[in-house]
C-alpha atoms as a PDB file:
ATOM      1  CA  UNK A   1     -25.685   0.004 -15.313  1.00  0.00           C
ATOM      2  CA  UNK A   2     -26.223   3.799 -15.534  1.00  0.00           C
ATOM      3  CA  UNK A   3     -23.470   5.722 -17.165  1.00  0.00           C
ATOM      4  CA  UNK A   4     -23.587   8.927 -15.095  1.00  0.00           C
ATOM      5  CA  UNK A   5     -21.138  10.811 -17.554  1.00  0.00           C
ATOM      6  CA  UNK A   6     -18.176   8.245 -17.624  1.00  0.00           C
ATOM      7  CA  UNK A   7     -16.783   7.138 -20.593  1.00  0.00           C
ATOM      8  CA  UNK A   8     -16.992   3.241 -21.644  1.00  0.00           C
ATOM      9  CA  UNK A   9     -13.187   2.933 -20.497  1.00  0.00           C
ATOM     10  CA  UNK A  10     -13.693   4.278 -16.962  1.00  0.00           C
ATOM     11  CA  UNK A  11     -16.524   1.688 -16.927  1.00  0.00           C
ATOM     12  CA  UNK A  12     -14.875  -1.236 -17.685  1.00  0.00           C
ATOM     13  CA  UNK A  13     -12.763  -0.845 -14.581  1.00  0.00           C
ATOM     14  CA  UNK A  14     -15.937  -1.868 -12.715  1.00  0.00           C
ATOM     15  CA  UNK A  15     -16.480  -5.064 -14.503  1.00  0.00           C
ATOM     16  CA  UNK A  16     -15.729  -8.234 -12.288  1.00  0.00           C
ATOM     17  CA  UNK A  17     -12.717  -9.706 -14.267  1.00  0.00           C
ATOM     18  CA  UNK A  18     -11.121  -6.290 -14.144  1.00  0.00           C
ATOM     19  CA  UNK A  19     -11.561  -5.977 -10.419  1.00  0.00           C
ATOM     20  CA  UNK A  20     -10.375  -9.335  -9.554  1.00  0.00           C
ATOM     21  CA  UNK A  21      -6.940  -8.716 -11.880  1.00  0.00           C
ATOM     22  CA  UNK A  22      -6.609  -5.286  -9.677  1.00  0.00           C
ATOM     23  CA  UNK A  23      -6.983  -7.130  -6.671  1.00  0.00           C
ATOM     24  CA  UNK A  24      -4.544  -9.642  -7.588  1.00  0.00           C
ATOM     25  CA  UNK A  25      -2.390  -6.692  -8.358  1.00  0.00           C
ATOM     26  CA  UNK A  26      -2.806  -5.221  -4.883  1.00  0.00           C
ATOM     27  CA  UNK A  27      -2.121  -8.292  -3.361  1.00  0.00           C
ATOM     28  CA  UNK A  28       0.943  -8.940  -5.123  1.00  0.00           C
ATOM     29  CA  UNK A  29       2.276  -5.221  -4.267  1.00  0.00           C
ATOM     30  CA  UNK A  30       1.637  -6.099  -0.775  1.00  0.00           C
ATOM     31  CA  UNK A  31       3.642  -9.233  -0.883  1.00  0.00           C
ATOM     32  CA  UNK A  32       6.425  -7.459  -2.397  1.00  0.00           C
ATOM     33  CA  UNK A  33       6.514  -4.635  -0.181  1.00  0.00           C
ATOM     34  CA  UNK A  34       6.405  -7.136   2.944  1.00  0.00           C
ATOM     35  CA  UNK A  35       9.431  -8.949   1.384  1.00  0.00           C
ATOM     36  CA  UNK A  36      11.527  -6.037   1.122  1.00  0.00           C
ATOM     37  CA  UNK A  37      10.646  -4.697   4.687  1.00  0.00           C
ATOM     38  CA  UNK A  38      11.478  -8.293   6.175  1.00  0.00           C
ATOM     39  CA  UNK A  39      14.393  -8.373   4.224  1.00  0.00           C
ATOM     40  CA  UNK A  40      15.957  -5.137   5.059  1.00  0.00           C
ATOM     41  CA  UNK A  41      15.723  -4.807   8.715  1.00  0.00           C
ATOM     42  CA  UNK A  42      14.750  -1.704  10.747  1.00  0.00           C
ATOM     43  CA  UNK A  43      16.988   0.908   9.415  1.00  0.00           C
ATOM     44  CA  UNK A  44      15.668   1.115   6.034  1.00  0.00           C
ATOM     45  CA  UNK A  45      11.974   0.926   7.411  1.00  0.00           C
ATOM     46  CA  UNK A  46      12.535   3.771   9.496  1.00  0.00           C
ATOM     47  CA  UNK A  47      14.019   6.054   6.612  1.00  0.00           C
ATOM     48  CA  UNK A  48      10.809   4.982   4.434  1.00  0.00           C
ATOM     49  CA  UNK A  49       8.678   5.876   7.149  1.00  0.00           C
ATOM     50  CA  UNK A  50      10.353   9.316   7.635  1.00  0.00           C
ATOM     51  CA  UNK A  51      10.346   9.926   3.694  1.00  0.00           C
ATOM     52  CA  UNK A  52       6.450   8.722   3.515  1.00  0.00           C
ATOM     53  CA  UNK A  53       5.548  11.161   6.469  1.00  0.00           C
ATOM     54  CA  UNK A  54       7.401  14.288   4.660  1.00  0.00           C
ATOM     55  CA  UNK A  55       5.427  13.536   1.458  1.00  0.00           C
ATOM     56  CA  UNK A  56       3.437  16.829   0.959  1.00  0.00           C
ATOM     57  CA  UNK A  57       0.867  14.529  -1.195  1.00  0.00           C
ATOM     58  CA  UNK A  58      -0.067  12.494   2.205  1.00  0.00           C
ATOM     59  CA  UNK A  59      -3.372  13.559   4.060  1.00  0.00           C
ATOM     60  CA  UNK A  60      -3.140  13.864   7.627  1.00  0.00           C
ATOM     61  CA  UNK A  61      -5.019  10.785   7.918  1.00  0.00           C
ATOM     62  CA  UNK A  62      -2.474   8.721   5.746  1.00  0.00           C
ATOM     63  CA  UNK A  63       0.274  10.189   7.824  1.00  0.00           C
ATOM     64  CA  UNK A  64      -1.193   9.137  11.133  1.00  0.00           C
ATOM     65  CA  UNK A  65      -1.341   5.664  10.053  1.00  0.00           C
ATOM     66  CA  UNK A  66       2.634   5.380   9.550  1.00  0.00           C
ATOM     67  CA  UNK A  67       3.496   4.558  12.813  1.00  0.00           C
ATOM     68  CA  UNK A  68       1.106   1.828  13.335  1.00  0.00           C
ATOM     69  CA  UNK A  69       2.206   0.472   9.834  1.00  0.00           C
ATOM     70  CA  UNK A  70       5.984   0.530  10.936  1.00  0.00           C
ATOM     71  CA  UNK A  71       5.000  -1.265  14.267  1.00  0.00           C
ATOM     72  CA  UNK A  72       2.810  -3.831  12.184  1.00  0.00           C
ATOM     73  CA  UNK A  73       5.876  -4.770   9.882  1.00  0.00           C
ATOM     74  CA  UNK A  74       8.324  -4.816  12.853  1.00  0.00           C
ATOM     75  CA  UNK A  75       5.888  -7.142  14.932  1.00  0.00           C
ATOM     76  CA  UNK A  76       5.406  -9.400  11.876  1.00  0.00           C
ATOM     77  CA  UNK A  77       9.167  -9.646  11.535  1.00  0.00           C
ATOM     78  CA  UNK A  78      10.310 -12.128  14.013  1.00  0.00           C
ATOM     79  CA  UNK A  79      14.130 -12.105  14.860  1.00  0.00           C
ATOM     80  CA  UNK A  80      14.771  -8.629  13.543  1.00  0.00           C
ATOM     81  CA  UNK A  81      16.383  -5.920  15.322  1.00  0.00           C
END
């Protein structure tokens, strides 16, 4: 591969074993977040959506996904109010 001015440490993230580990970490984080959403019900999810929308570091495109993300969690949580 071509270095393009990056340090060896930066390039280590591109190696396949590191990418696999990173994907496993993302998957685990997603599962934990889904567990919390399912366990706590609609109230905390609504509050989390409001807080996330108010985060000034969120881009407009990220903020535009919040309603759909909230709907998805509620849709995938059968038997919840």
